[in-house]
């Protein structure tokens, strides 16, 4: 059995207005923001060298703050006093080569860049 849906002209106009509103207001903001984020990423990484420490003056030291986020206890060996756990090691530093003026890029104040594309500090966790 087939069903039919009859719409009045006012219902049809209202649904059309909603669709047009979604395309006119919501879609361009997402598209423009995505376009600007890609443009910003290209700008930041155009001359970026991930093998070099990201400072303008080579005599400047780079301070790396390290934090551990405890996630899970995996095993506890009471006899040998050993605990196995899962942790996330978080490192924070300022990358002078990844700074920009937000007003030049649609007021984007932060961006996610994969870690394989940027400089990473050489840190080793002892007694792990």
PDB file of N, CA and C in Angstrom:
ATOM      1  N   UNK A   1       0.843  -1.172   0.000  1.00  0.00           N
ATOM      2  CA  UNK A   1       0.000   0.000   0.000  1.00  0.00           C
ATOM      3  C   UNK A   1       0.891   1.239   0.000  1.00  0.00           C
ATOM      4  N   UNK A   2       0.570   2.182  -0.794  1.00  0.00           N
ATOM      5  CA  UNK A   2       1.316   3.421  -0.928  1.00  0.00           C
ATOM      6  C   UNK A   2       0.661   4.495  -0.079  1.00  0.00           C
ATOM      7  N   UNK A   3       1.490   5.319   0.528  1.00  0.00           N
ATOM      8  CA  UNK A   3       0.960   6.425   1.318  1.00  0.00           C
ATOM      9  C   UNK A   3       1.337   7.742   0.672  1.00  0.00           C
ATOM     10  N   UNK A   4       0.503   8.700   0.791  1.00  0.00           N
ATOM     11  CA  UNK A   4       0.755  10.014   0.222  1.00  0.00           C
ATOM     12  C   UNK A   4       0.720  11.046   1.337  1.00  0.00           C
ATOM     13  N   UNK A   5       1.592  12.009   1.232  1.00  0.00           N
ATOM     14  CA  UNK A   5       1.633  13.082   2.218  1.00  0.00           C
ATOM     15  C   UNK A   5       1.291  14.375   1.490  1.00  0.00           C
ATOM     16  N   UNK A   6       0.205  14.963   1.856  1.00  0.00           N
ATOM     17  CA  UNK A   6      -0.198  16.216   1.234  1.00  0.00           C
ATOM     18  C   UNK A   6       0.252  17.373   2.098  1.00  0.00           C
ATOM     19  N   UNK A   7       0.989  18.294   1.488  1.00  0.00           N
ATOM     20  CA  UNK A   7       1.461  19.473   2.202  1.00  0.00           C
ATOM     21  C   UNK A   7       0.720  20.697   1.683  1.00  0.00           C
ATOM     22  N   UNK A   8       0.354  21.537   2.602  1.00  0.00           N
ATOM     23  CA  UNK A   8      -0.246  22.799   2.175  1.00  0.00           C
ATOM     24  C   UNK A   8       0.871  23.725   1.726  1.00  0.00           C
ATOM     25  N   UNK A   9       0.497  24.804   1.078  1.00  0.00           N
ATOM     26  CA  UNK A   9       1.510  25.753   0.606  1.00  0.00           C
ATOM     27  C   UNK A   9       2.295  26.358   1.775  1.00  0.00           C
ATOM     28  N   UNK A  10       1.628  26.633   2.879  1.00  0.00           N
ATOM     29  CA  UNK A  10       2.337  27.226   4.021  1.00  0.00           C
ATOM     30  C   UNK A  10       3.331  26.232   4.625  1.00  0.00           C
ATOM     31  N   UNK A  11       2.953  24.925   4.689  1.00  0.00           N
ATOM     32  CA  UNK A  11       3.882  23.900   5.180  1.00  0.00           C
ATOM     33  C   UNK A  11       5.095  23.791   4.262  1.00  0.00           C
ATOM     34  N   UNK A  12       4.846  23.793   2.993  1.00  0.00           N
ATOM     35  CA  UNK A  12       5.927  23.689   2.016  1.00  0.00           C
ATOM     36  C   UNK A  12       6.858  24.897   2.090  1.00  0.00           C
ATOM     37  N   UNK A  13       6.297  26.087   2.233  1.00  0.00           N
ATOM     38  CA  UNK A  13       7.114  27.294   2.351  1.00  0.00           C
ATOM     39  C   UNK A  13       7.970  27.260   3.619  1.00  0.00           C
ATOM     40  N   UNK A  14       7.366  26.790   4.725  1.00  0.00           N
ATOM     41  CA  UNK A  14       8.103  26.739   5.975  1.00  0.00           C
ATOM     42  C   UNK A  14       9.261  25.741   5.873  1.00  0.00           C
ATOM     43  N   UNK A  15       9.031  24.579   5.313  1.00  0.00           N
ATOM     44  CA  UNK A  15      10.105  23.583   5.175  1.00  0.00           C
ATOM     45  C   UNK A  15      11.195  24.080   4.233  1.00  0.00           C
ATOM     46  N   UNK A  16      10.812  24.748   3.181  1.00  0.00           N
ATOM     47  CA  UNK A  16      11.795  25.321   2.255  1.00  0.00           C
ATOM     48  C   UNK A  16      12.619  26.396   2.945  1.00  0.00           C
ATOM     49  N   UNK A  17      11.964  27.215   3.749  1.00  0.00           N
ATOM     50  CA  UNK A  17      12.677  28.268   4.473  1.00  0.00           C
ATOM     51  C   UNK A  17      13.681  27.668   5.453  1.00  0.00           C
ATOM     52  N   UNK A  18      13.318  26.584   6.105  1.00  0.00           N
ATOM     53  CA  UNK A  18      14.222  25.941   7.054  1.00  0.00           C
ATOM     54  C   UNK A  18      15.439  25.378   6.327  1.00  0.00           C
ATOM     55  N   UNK A  19      15.217  24.735   5.203  1.00  0.00           N
ATOM     56  CA  UNK A  19      16.330  24.175   4.428  1.00  0.00           C
ATOM     57  C   UNK A  19      17.249  25.291   3.934  1.00  0.00           C
ATOM     58  N   UNK A  20      16.675  26.353   3.421  1.00  0.00           N
ATOM     59  CA  UNK A  20      17.470  27.481   2.928  1.00  0.00           C
ATOM     60  C   UNK A  20      18.243  28.111   4.077  1.00  0.00           C
ATOM     61  N   UNK A  21      17.614  28.240   5.235  1.00  0.00           N
ATOM     62  CA  UNK A  21      18.280  28.802   6.403  1.00  0.00           C
ATOM     63  C   UNK A  21      19.473  27.946   6.817  1.00  0.00           C
ATOM     64  N   UNK A  22      19.291  26.639   6.797  1.00  0.00           N
ATOM     65  CA  UNK A  22      20.400  25.743   7.155  1.00  0.00           C
ATOM     66  C   UNK A  22      21.563  25.910   6.187  1.00  0.00           C
ATOM     67  N   UNK A  23      21.291  25.971   4.908  1.00  0.00           N
ATOM     68  CA  UNK A  23      22.363  26.131   3.933  1.00  0.00           C
ATOM     69  C   UNK A  23      22.980  27.528   3.992  1.00  0.00           C
ATOM     70  N   UNK A  24      22.173  28.531   4.241  1.00  0.00           N
ATOM     71  CA  UNK A  24      22.673  29.909   4.221  1.00  0.00           C
ATOM     72  C   UNK A  24      23.459  30.267   5.480  1.00  0.00           C
ATOM     73  N   UNK A  25      23.064  29.721   6.626  1.00  0.00           N
ATOM     74  CA  UNK A  25      23.679  30.126   7.885  1.00  0.00           C
ATOM     75  C   UNK A  25      24.659  29.078   8.410  1.00  0.00           C
ATOM     76  N   UNK A  26      24.243  27.853   8.514  1.00  0.00           N
ATOM     77  CA  UNK A  26      25.056  26.842   9.159  1.00  0.00           C
ATOM     78  C   UNK A  26      26.165  26.296   8.277  1.00  0.00           C
ATOM     79  N   UNK A  27      25.886  25.975   7.050  1.00  0.00           N
ATOM     80  CA  UNK A  27      26.870  25.354   6.179  1.00  0.00           C
ATOM     81  C   UNK A  27      28.071  26.241   5.899  1.00  0.00           C
ATOM     82  N   UNK A  28      27.906  27.501   5.501  1.00  0.00           N
ATOM     83  CA  UNK A  28      29.092  28.310   5.212  1.00  0.00           C
ATOM     84  C   UNK A  28      30.015  28.502   6.412  1.00  0.00           C
ATOM     85  N   UNK A  29      29.475  28.621   7.620  1.00  0.00           N
ATOM     86  CA  UNK A  29      30.340  28.794   8.784  1.00  0.00           C
ATOM     87  C   UNK A  29      31.268  27.601   8.954  1.00  0.00           C
ATOM     88  N   UNK A  30      30.737  26.409   8.848  1.00  0.00           N
ATOM     89  CA  UNK A  30      31.564  25.210   8.959  1.00  0.00           C
ATOM     90  C   UNK A  30      32.552  25.090   7.818  1.00  0.00           C
ATOM     91  N   UNK A  31      32.106  25.379   6.616  1.00  0.00           N
ATOM     92  CA  UNK A  31      32.975  25.282   5.452  1.00  0.00           C
ATOM     93  C   UNK A  31      34.067  26.333   5.514  1.00  0.00           C
ATOM     94  N   UNK A  32      33.715  27.572   5.836  1.00  0.00           N
ATOM     95  CA  UNK A  32      34.708  28.632   5.915  1.00  0.00           C
ATOM     96  C   UNK A  32      35.712  28.364   7.019  1.00  0.00           C
ATOM     97  N   UNK A  33      35.234  27.916   8.167  1.00  0.00           N
ATOM     98  CA  UNK A  33      36.122  27.643   9.280  1.00  0.00           C
ATOM     99  C   UNK A  33      37.093  26.525   8.915  1.00  0.00           C
ATOM    100  N   UNK A  34      36.596  25.471   8.262  1.00  0.00           N
ATOM    101  CA  UNK A  34      37.441  24.371   7.838  1.00  0.00           C
ATOM    102  C   UNK A  34      38.461  24.847   6.807  1.00  0.00           C
ATOM    103  N   UNK A  35      38.029  25.675   5.879  1.00  0.00           N
ATOM    104  CA  UNK A  35      38.922  26.216   4.861  1.00  0.00           C
ATOM    105  C   UNK A  35      39.997  27.075   5.507  1.00  0.00           C
ATOM    106  N   UNK A  36      39.626  27.922   6.457  1.00  0.00           N
ATOM    107  CA  UNK A  36      40.589  28.783   7.131  1.00  0.00           C
ATOM    108  C   UNK A  36      41.564  27.966   7.980  1.00  0.00           C
ATOM    109  N   UNK A  37      41.085  26.895   8.612  1.00  0.00           N
ATOM    110  CA  UNK A  37      41.977  26.046   9.406  1.00  0.00           C
ATOM    111  C   UNK A  37      43.004  25.362   8.504  1.00  0.00           C
ATOM    112  N   UNK A  38      42.580  24.914   7.337  1.00  0.00           N
ATOM    113  CA  UNK A  38      43.524  24.305   6.390  1.00  0.00           C
ATOM    114  C   UNK A  38      44.522  25.342   5.891  1.00  0.00           C
ATOM    115  N   UNK A  39      44.034  26.540   5.628  1.00  0.00           N
ATOM    116  CA  UNK A  39      44.898  27.634   5.187  1.00  0.00           C
ATOM    117  C   UNK A  39      45.919  27.969   6.284  1.00  0.00           C
ATOM    118  N   UNK A  40      45.481  28.006   7.531  1.00  0.00           N
ATOM    119  CA  UNK A  40      46.372  28.281   8.657  1.00  0.00           C
ATOM    120  C   UNK A  40      47.422  27.184   8.796  1.00  0.00           C
ATOM    121  N   UNK A  41      47.005  25.932   8.702  1.00  0.00           N
ATOM    122  CA  UNK A  41      47.950  24.819   8.813  1.00  0.00           C
ATOM    123  C   UNK A  41      48.997  24.887   7.710  1.00  0.00           C
ATOM    124  N   UNK A  42      48.576  25.172   6.481  1.00  0.00           N
ATOM    125  CA  UNK A  42      49.532  25.320   5.374  1.00  0.00           C
ATOM    126  C   UNK A  42      50.505  26.459   5.659  1.00  0.00           C
ATOM    127  N   UNK A  43      49.984  27.573   6.174  1.00  0.00           N
ATOM    128  CA  UNK A  43      50.822  28.733   6.502  1.00  0.00           C
ATOM    129  C   UNK A  43      51.853  28.381   7.571  1.00  0.00           C
ATOM    130  N   UNK A  44      51.418  27.686   8.633  1.00  0.00           N
ATOM    131  CA  UNK A  44      52.316  27.358   9.733  1.00  0.00           C
ATOM    132  C   UNK A  44      53.397  26.360   9.331  1.00  0.00           C
ATOM    133  N   UNK A  45      53.045  25.381   8.515  1.00  0.00           N
ATOM    134  CA  UNK A  45      53.984  24.312   8.184  1.00  0.00           C
ATOM    135  C   UNK A  45      54.740  24.536   6.880  1.00  0.00           C
ATOM    136  N   UNK A  46      54.521  25.672   6.212  1.00  0.00           N
ATOM    137  CA  UNK A  46      55.170  25.896   4.914  1.00  0.00           C
ATOM    138  C   UNK A  46      56.694  25.905   5.028  1.00  0.00           C
ATOM    139  N   UNK A  47      57.260  26.563   6.028  1.00  0.00           N
ATOM    140  CA  UNK A  47      58.712  26.600   6.216  1.00  0.00           C
ATOM    141  C   UNK A  47      59.127  25.916   7.518  1.00  0.00           C
ATOM    142  N   UNK A  48      58.262  25.089   8.064  1.00  0.00           N
ATOM    143  CA  UNK A  48      58.518  24.460   9.364  1.00  0.00           C
ATOM    144  C   UNK A  48      59.486  23.298   9.188  1.00  0.00           C
ATOM    145  N   UNK A  49      60.463  23.220  10.070  1.00  0.00           N
ATOM    146  CA  UNK A  49      61.430  22.121  10.053  1.00  0.00           C
ATOM    147  C   UNK A  49      61.300  21.355  11.359  1.00  0.00           C
ATOM    148  N   UNK A  50      60.673  20.181  11.312  1.00  0.00           N
ATOM    149  CA  UNK A  50      60.399  19.459  12.554  1.00  0.00           C
ATOM    150  C   UNK A  50      61.647  18.848  13.185  1.00  0.00           C
ATOM    151  N   UNK A  51      62.758  18.819  12.468  1.00  0.00           N
ATOM    152  CA  UNK A  51      63.992  18.288  13.024  1.00  0.00           C
ATOM    153  C   UNK A  51      64.780  19.312  13.822  1.00  0.00           C
ATOM    154  N   UNK A  52      64.377  20.576  13.783  1.00  0.00           N
ATOM    155  CA  UNK A  52      65.081  21.633  14.506  1.00  0.00           C
ATOM    156  C   UNK A  52      64.243  22.134  15.674  1.00  0.00           C
ATOM    157  N   UNK A  53      64.928  22.454  16.771  1.00  0.00           N
ATOM    158  CA  UNK A  53      64.227  22.981  17.949  1.00  0.00           C
ATOM    159  C   UNK A  53      63.566  24.300  17.580  1.00  0.00           C
ATOM    160  N   UNK A  54      62.285  24.465  17.881  1.00  0.00           N
ATOM    161  CA  UNK A  54      61.516  25.631  17.407  1.00  0.00           C
ATOM    162  C   UNK A  54      61.715  26.902  18.233  1.00  0.00           C
ATOM    163  N   UNK A  55      62.882  27.525  18.077  1.00  0.00           N
ATOM    164  CA  UNK A  55      63.169  28.793  18.741  1.00  0.00           C
ATOM    165  C   UNK A  55      63.749  29.750  17.717  1.00  0.00           C
ATOM    166  N   UNK A  56      63.536  31.031  17.932  1.00  0.00           N
ATOM    167  CA  UNK A  56      64.084  32.041  17.029  1.00  0.00           C
ATOM    168  C   UNK A  56      65.553  32.333  17.349  1.00  0.00           C
ATOM    169  N   UNK A  57      65.934  32.242  18.634  1.00  0.00           N
ATOM    170  CA  UNK A  57      67.302  32.465  19.083  1.00  0.00           C
ATOM    171  C   UNK A  57      67.829  31.146  19.634  1.00  0.00           C
ATOM    172  N   UNK A  58      68.899  30.605  19.033  1.00  0.00           N
ATOM    173  CA  UNK A  58      69.391  29.284  19.427  1.00  0.00           C
ATOM    174  C   UNK A  58      69.935  29.232  20.847  1.00  0.00           C
ATOM    175  N   UNK A  59      70.210  30.395  21.454  1.00  0.00           N
ATOM    176  CA  UNK A  59      70.697  30.401  22.830  1.00  0.00           C
ATOM    177  C   UNK A  59      69.554  30.298  23.847  1.00  0.00           C
ATOM    178  N   UNK A  60      68.330  30.413  23.376  1.00  0.00           N
ATOM    179  CA  UNK A  60      67.159  30.307  24.243  1.00  0.00           C
ATOM    180  C   UNK A  60      66.908  28.843  24.584  1.00  0.00           C
ATOM    181  N   UNK A  61      66.627  28.568  25.854  1.00  0.00           N
ATOM    182  CA  UNK A  61      66.302  27.194  26.231  1.00  0.00           C
ATOM    183  C   UNK A  61      64.812  26.929  26.040  1.00  0.00           C
ATOM    184  N   UNK A  62      64.488  25.689  25.782  1.00  0.00           N
ATOM    185  CA  UNK A  62      63.089  25.278  25.641  1.00  0.00           C
ATOM    186  C   UNK A  62      62.704  24.496  26.887  1.00  0.00           C
ATOM    187  N   UNK A  63      61.782  25.037  27.659  1.00  0.00           N
ATOM    188  CA  UNK A  63      61.327  24.375  28.873  1.00  0.00           C
ATOM    189  C   UNK A  63      60.196  23.417  28.515  1.00  0.00           C
ATOM    190  N   UNK A  64      60.376  22.157  28.904  1.00  0.00           N
ATOM    191  CA  UNK A  64      59.359  21.132  28.650  1.00  0.00           C
ATOM    192  C   UNK A  64      58.797  20.706  29.992  1.00  0.00           C
ATOM    193  N   UNK A  65      57.508  20.891  30.154  1.00  0.00           N
ATOM    194  CA  UNK A  65      56.825  20.439  31.370  1.00  0.00           C
ATOM    195  C   UNK A  65      56.244  19.060  31.091  1.00  0.00           C
ATOM    196  N   UNK A  66      56.413  18.176  32.052  1.00  0.00           N
ATOM    197  CA  UNK A  66      55.955  16.799  31.872  1.00  0.00           C
ATOM    198  C   UNK A  66      54.935  16.465  32.944  1.00  0.00           C
ATOM    199  N   UNK A  67      53.880  15.815  32.527  1.00  0.00           N
ATOM    200  CA  UNK A  67      52.861  15.354  33.457  1.00  0.00           C
ATOM    201  C   UNK A  67      52.448  13.937  33.107  1.00  0.00           C
ATOM    202  N   UNK A  68      51.988  13.236  34.088  1.00  0.00           N
ATOM    203  CA  UNK A  68      51.531  11.861  33.873  1.00  0.00           C
ATOM    204  C   UNK A  68      50.064  11.781  34.262  1.00  0.00           C
ATOM    205  N   UNK A  69      49.293  11.217  33.387  1.00  0.00           N
ATOM    206  CA  UNK A  69      47.871  11.006  33.638  1.00  0.00           C
ATOM    207  C   UNK A  69      47.669   9.512  33.860  1.00  0.00           C
ATOM    208  N   UNK A  70      47.415   9.148  35.102  1.00  0.00           N
ATOM    209  CA  UNK A  70      47.242   7.741  35.476  1.00  0.00           C
ATOM    210  C   UNK A  70      45.915   7.235  34.934  1.00  0.00           C
ATOM    211  N   UNK A  71      45.937   6.168  34.128  1.00  0.00           N
ATOM    212  CA  UNK A  71      44.717   5.682  33.480  1.00  0.00           C
ATOM    213  C   UNK A  71      44.171   4.385  34.097  1.00  0.00           C
ATOM    214  N   UNK A  72      45.073   3.408  34.390  1.00  0.00           N
ATOM    215  CA  UNK A  72      44.560   2.104  34.791  1.00  0.00           C
ATOM    216  C   UNK A  72      45.650   1.280  35.465  1.00  0.00           C
ATOM    217  N   UNK A  73      45.274   0.509  36.495  1.00  0.00           N
ATOM    218  CA  UNK A  73      46.178  -0.484  37.072  1.00  0.00           C
ATOM    219  C   UNK A  73      45.985  -1.767  36.276  1.00  0.00           C
ATOM    220  N   UNK A  74      47.075  -2.281  35.737  1.00  0.00           N
ATOM    221  CA  UNK A  74      46.991  -3.497  34.926  1.00  0.00           C
ATOM    222  C   UNK A  74      47.257  -4.731  35.786  1.00  0.00           C
ATOM    223  N   UNK A  75      48.310  -4.668  36.636  1.00  0.00           N
ATOM    224  CA  UNK A  75      48.656  -5.828  37.450  1.00  0.00           C
ATOM    225  C   UNK A  75      49.427  -5.359  38.684  1.00  0.00           C
ATOM    226  N   UNK A  76      49.258  -6.100  39.784  1.00  0.00           N
ATOM    227  CA  UNK A  76      50.028  -5.840  41.005  1.00  0.00           C
ATOM    228  C   UNK A  76      50.659  -7.152  41.447  1.00  0.00           C
ATOM    229  N   UNK A  77      51.994  -7.135  41.524  1.00  0.00           N
ATOM    230  CA  UNK A  77      52.749  -8.284  42.013  1.00  0.00           C
ATOM    231  C   UNK A  77      53.245  -7.912  43.410  1.00  0.00           C
ATOM    232  N   UNK A  78      52.506  -8.332  44.446  1.00  0.00           N
ATOM    233  CA  UNK A  78      52.832  -7.937  45.815  1.00  0.00           C
ATOM    234  C   UNK A  78      54.150  -8.532  46.279  1.00  0.00           C
ATOM    235  N   UNK A  79      54.432  -9.751  45.874  1.00  0.00           N
ATOM    236  CA  UNK A  79      55.654 -10.424  46.316  1.00  0.00           C
ATOM    237  C   UNK A  79      56.895  -9.651  45.864  1.00  0.00           C
ATOM    238  N   UNK A  80      56.922  -9.237  44.613  1.00  0.00           N
ATOM    239  CA  UNK A  80      58.075  -8.514  44.072  1.00  0.00           C
ATOM    240  C   UNK A  80      57.903  -7.003  44.154  1.00  0.00           C
ATOM    241  N   UNK A  81      56.794  -6.563  44.684  1.00  0.00           N
ATOM    242  CA  UNK A  81      56.466  -5.145  44.832  1.00  0.00           C
ATOM    243  C   UNK A  81      56.563  -4.400  43.495  1.00  0.00           C
ATOM    244  N   UNK A  82      55.859  -4.950  42.514  1.00  0.00           N
ATOM    245  CA  UNK A  82      55.839  -4.354  41.176  1.00  0.00           C
ATOM    246  C   UNK A  82      54.387  -4.120  40.782  1.00  0.00           C
ATOM    247  N   UNK A  83      54.125  -2.930  40.314  1.00  0.00           N
ATOM    248  CA  UNK A  83      52.793  -2.600  39.818  1.00  0.00           C
ATOM    249  C   UNK A  83      52.910  -2.214  38.343  1.00  0.00           C
ATOM    250  N   UNK A  84      52.073  -2.817  37.519  1.00  0.00           N
ATOM    251  CA  UNK A  84      52.005  -2.449  36.104  1.00  0.00           C
ATOM    252  C   UNK A  84      50.772  -1.577  35.904  1.00  0.00           C
ATOM    253  N   UNK A  85      50.965  -0.494  35.199  1.00  0.00           N
ATOM    254  CA  UNK A  85      49.846   0.420  34.993  1.00  0.00           C
ATOM    255  C   UNK A  85      49.908   1.022  33.597  1.00  0.00           C
ATOM    256  N   UNK A  86      48.815   1.610  33.199  1.00  0.00           N
ATOM    257  CA  UNK A  86      48.740   2.342  31.935  1.00  0.00           C
ATOM    258  C   UNK A  86      48.659   3.827  32.268  1.00  0.00           C
ATOM    259  N   UNK A  87      49.561   4.605  31.676  1.00  0.00           N
ATOM    260  CA  UNK A  87      49.589   6.045  31.915  1.00  0.00           C
ATOM    261  C   UNK A  87      49.728   6.771  30.586  1.00  0.00           C
ATOM    262  N   UNK A  88      49.308   8.011  30.572  1.00  0.00           N
ATOM    263  CA  UNK A  88      49.550   8.900  29.438  1.00  0.00           C
ATOM    264  C   UNK A  88      50.606   9.891  29.876  1.00  0.00           C
ATOM    265  N   UNK A  89      51.653   9.994  29.099  1.00  0.00           N
ATOM    266  CA  UNK A  89      52.704  10.965  29.377  1.00  0.00           C
ATOM    267  C   UNK A  89      52.398  12.214  28.564  1.00  0.00           C
ATOM    268  N   UNK A  90      52.194  13.324  29.256  1.00  0.00           N
ATOM    269  CA  UNK A  90      51.869  14.591  28.588  1.00  0.00           C
ATOM    270  C   UNK A  90      53.068  15.529  28.677  1.00  0.00           C
ATOM    271  N   UNK A  91      53.383  16.167  27.550  1.00  0.00           N
ATOM    272  CA  UNK A  91      54.498  17.102  27.499  1.00  0.00           C
ATOM    273  C   UNK A  91      53.987  18.441  26.972  1.00  0.00           C
ATOM    274  N   UNK A  92      54.412  19.519  27.628  1.00  0.00           N
ATOM    275  CA  UNK A  92      53.978  20.863  27.245  1.00  0.00           C
ATOM    276  C   UNK A  92      55.203  21.736  27.018  1.00  0.00           C
ATOM    277  N   UNK A  93      55.221  22.466  25.915  1.00  0.00           N
ATOM    278  CA  UNK A  93      56.277  23.424  25.624  1.00  0.00           C
ATOM    279  C   UNK A  93      55.735  24.455  24.656  1.00  0.00           C
ATOM    280  N   UNK A  94      56.465  25.547  24.514  1.00  0.00           N
ATOM    281  CA  UNK A  94      56.067  26.590  23.581  1.00  0.00           C
ATOM    282  C   UNK A  94      56.865  26.439  22.297  1.00  0.00           C
ATOM    283  N   UNK A  95      56.158  26.302  21.201  1.00  0.00           N
ATOM    284  CA  UNK A  95      56.769  26.189  19.877  1.00  0.00           C
ATOM    285  C   UNK A  95      56.663  27.564  19.220  1.00  0.00           C
ATOM    286  N   UNK A  96      57.776  28.274  19.165  1.00  0.00           N
ATOM    287  CA  UNK A  96      57.770  29.643  18.649  1.00  0.00           C
ATOM    288  C   UNK A  96      57.444  29.712  17.156  1.00  0.00           C
ATOM    289  N   UNK A  97      57.628  28.615  16.445  1.00  0.00           N
ATOM    290  CA  UNK A  97      57.329  28.607  15.013  1.00  0.00           C
ATOM    291  C   UNK A  97      55.855  28.349  14.710  1.00  0.00           C
ATOM    292  N   UNK A  98      55.084  27.995  15.715  1.00  0.00           N
ATOM    293  CA  UNK A  98      53.656  27.720  15.515  1.00  0.00           C
ATOM    294  C   UNK A  98      52.812  28.789  16.201  1.00  0.00           C
ATOM    295  N   UNK A  99      53.107  30.044  15.927  1.00  0.00           N
ATOM    296  CA  UNK A  99      52.338  31.154  16.474  1.00  0.00           C
ATOM    297  C   UNK A  99      51.816  31.995  15.326  1.00  0.00           C
ATOM    298  N   UNK A 100      50.609  32.566  15.502  1.00  0.00           N
ATOM    299  CA  UNK A 100      49.989  33.350  14.443  1.00  0.00           C
ATOM    300  C   UNK A 100      49.067  34.396  15.044  1.00  0.00           C
ATOM    301  N   UNK A 101      48.692  35.335  14.214  1.00  0.00           N
ATOM    302  CA  UNK A 101      47.736  36.365  14.594  1.00  0.00           C
ATOM    303  C   UNK A 101      46.340  35.836  14.249  1.00  0.00           C
ATOM    304  N   UNK A 102      45.515  35.624  15.251  1.00  0.00           N
ATOM    305  CA  UNK A 102      44.196  35.017  15.042  1.00  0.00           C
ATOM    306  C   UNK A 102      43.315  35.847  14.111  1.00  0.00           C
ATOM    307  N   UNK A 103      43.470  37.156  14.116  1.00  0.00           N
ATOM    308  CA  UNK A 103      42.625  37.989  13.249  1.00  0.00           C
ATOM    309  C   UNK A 103      42.941  37.774  11.767  1.00  0.00           C
ATOM    310  N   UNK A 104      44.110  37.261  11.459  1.00  0.00           N
ATOM    311  CA  UNK A 104      44.452  36.969  10.067  1.00  0.00           C
ATOM    312  C   UNK A 104      43.818  35.676   9.569  1.00  0.00           C
ATOM    313  N   UNK A 105      43.332  34.839  10.480  1.00  0.00           N
ATOM    314  CA  UNK A 105      42.780  33.537  10.124  1.00  0.00           C
ATOM    315  C   UNK A 105      41.423  33.316  10.775  1.00  0.00           C
ATOM    316  N   UNK A 106      40.483  34.195  10.499  1.00  0.00           N
ATOM    317  CA  UNK A 106      39.074  34.065  10.903  1.00  0.00           C
ATOM    318  C   UNK A 106      38.941  33.842  12.403  1.00  0.00           C
ATOM    319  N   UNK A 107      39.818  34.471  13.204  1.00  0.00           N
ATOM    320  CA  UNK A 107      39.830  34.394  14.665  1.00  0.00           C
ATOM    321  C   UNK A 107      40.007  32.977  15.214  1.00  0.00           C
ATOM    322  N   UNK A 108      40.714  32.139  14.477  1.00  0.00           N
ATOM    323  CA  UNK A 108      41.033  30.793  14.972  1.00  0.00           C
ATOM    324  C   UNK A 108      42.152  30.940  15.996  1.00  0.00           C
ATOM    325  N   UNK A 109      41.894  30.495  17.229  1.00  0.00           N
ATOM    326  CA  UNK A 109      42.878  30.667  18.295  1.00  0.00           C
ATOM    327  C   UNK A 109      43.652  29.388  18.597  1.00  0.00           C
ATOM    328  N   UNK A 110      43.163  28.227  18.153  1.00  0.00           N
ATOM    329  CA  UNK A 110      43.919  26.987  18.327  1.00  0.00           C
ATOM    330  C   UNK A 110      43.631  26.051  17.162  1.00  0.00           C
ATOM    331  N   UNK A 111      44.548  25.154  16.947  1.00  0.00           N
ATOM    332  CA  UNK A 111      44.439  24.222  15.827  1.00  0.00           C
ATOM    333  C   UNK A 111      45.107  22.916  16.234  1.00  0.00           C
ATOM    334  N   UNK A 112      44.600  21.804  15.748  1.00  0.00           N
ATOM    335  CA  UNK A 112      45.195  20.499  16.022  1.00  0.00           C
ATOM    336  C   UNK A 112      46.083  20.095  14.853  1.00  0.00           C
ATOM    337  N   UNK A 113      47.334  19.815  15.158  1.00  0.00           N
ATOM    338  CA  UNK A 113      48.289  19.350  14.160  1.00  0.00           C
ATOM    339  C   UNK A 113      48.835  18.021  14.659  1.00  0.00           C
ATOM    340  N   UNK A 114      48.857  16.981  13.829  1.00  0.00           N
ATOM    341  CA  UNK A 114      49.377  15.684  14.285  1.00  0.00           C
ATOM    342  C   UNK A 114      50.820  15.789  14.768  1.00  0.00           C
ATOM    343  N   UNK A 115      51.147  15.044  15.806  1.00  0.00           N
ATOM    344  CA  UNK A 115      52.481  15.122  16.412  1.00  0.00           C
ATOM    345  C   UNK A 115      53.584  14.712  15.443  1.00  0.00           C
ATOM    346  N   UNK A 116      53.282  13.896  14.455  1.00  0.00           N
ATOM    347  CA  UNK A 116      54.319  13.471  13.508  1.00  0.00           C
ATOM    348  C   UNK A 116      54.758  14.611  12.588  1.00  0.00           C
ATOM    349  N   UNK A 117      54.023  15.729  12.585  1.00  0.00           N
ATOM    350  CA  UNK A 117      54.344  16.849  11.706  1.00  0.00           C
ATOM    351  C   UNK A 117      55.084  17.988  12.412  1.00  0.00           C
ATOM    352  N   UNK A 118      55.298  17.871  13.727  1.00  0.00           N
ATOM    353  CA  UNK A 118      55.944  18.957  14.475  1.00  0.00           C
ATOM    354  C   UNK A 118      57.137  18.425  15.273  1.00  0.00           C
ATOM    355  N   UNK A 119      57.962  19.357  15.771  1.00  0.00           N
ATOM    356  CA  UNK A 119      59.102  19.006  16.604  1.00  0.00           C
ATOM    357  C   UNK A 119      58.615  18.415  17.916  1.00  0.00           C
ATOM    358  N   UNK A 120      59.277  17.334  18.346  1.00  0.00           N
ATOM    359  CA  UNK A 120      58.970  16.709  19.631  1.00  0.00           C
ATOM    360  C   UNK A 120      60.240  16.663  20.466  1.00  0.00           C
ATOM    361  N   UNK A 121      60.161  16.980  21.755  1.00  0.00           N
ATOM    362  CA  UNK A 121      61.351  16.932  22.599  1.00  0.00           C
ATOM    363  C   UNK A 121      61.809  15.489  22.831  1.00  0.00           C
ATOM    364  N   UNK A 122      63.123  15.320  22.964  1.00  0.00           N
ATOM    365  CA  UNK A 122      63.677  14.015  23.286  1.00  0.00           C
ATOM    366  C   UNK A 122      63.662  13.859  24.805  1.00  0.00           C
ATOM    367  N   UNK A 123      62.671  13.149  25.311  1.00  0.00           N
ATOM    368  CA  UNK A 123      62.583  12.911  26.753  1.00  0.00           C
ATOM    369  C   UNK A 123      62.529  11.414  26.986  1.00  0.00           C
ATOM    370  N   UNK A 124      63.114  10.994  28.096  1.00  0.00           N
ATOM    371  CA  UNK A 124      63.133   9.582  28.458  1.00  0.00           C
ATOM    372  C   UNK A 124      62.606   9.464  29.873  1.00  0.00           C
ATOM    373  N   UNK A 125      61.688   8.542  30.074  1.00  0.00           N
ATOM    374  CA  UNK A 125      61.139   8.291  31.408  1.00  0.00           C
ATOM    375  C   UNK A 125      61.968   7.197  32.068  1.00  0.00           C
ATOM    376  N   UNK A 126      62.734   7.568  33.118  1.00  0.00           N
ATOM    377  CA  UNK A 126      63.538   6.599  33.842  1.00  0.00           C
ATOM    378  C   UNK A 126      62.681   5.916  34.889  1.00  0.00           C
ATOM    379  N   UNK A 127      63.088   4.714  35.276  1.00  0.00           N
ATOM    380  CA  UNK A 127      62.396   3.968  36.321  1.00  0.00           C
ATOM    381  C   UNK A 127      60.953   3.681  35.913  1.00  0.00           C
ATOM    382  N   UNK A 128      60.773   3.405  34.627  1.00  0.00           N
ATOM    383  CA  UNK A 128      59.420   3.192  34.139  1.00  0.00           C
ATOM    384  C   UNK A 128      58.957   1.770  34.383  1.00  0.00           C
TER     385      UNK A 128
END
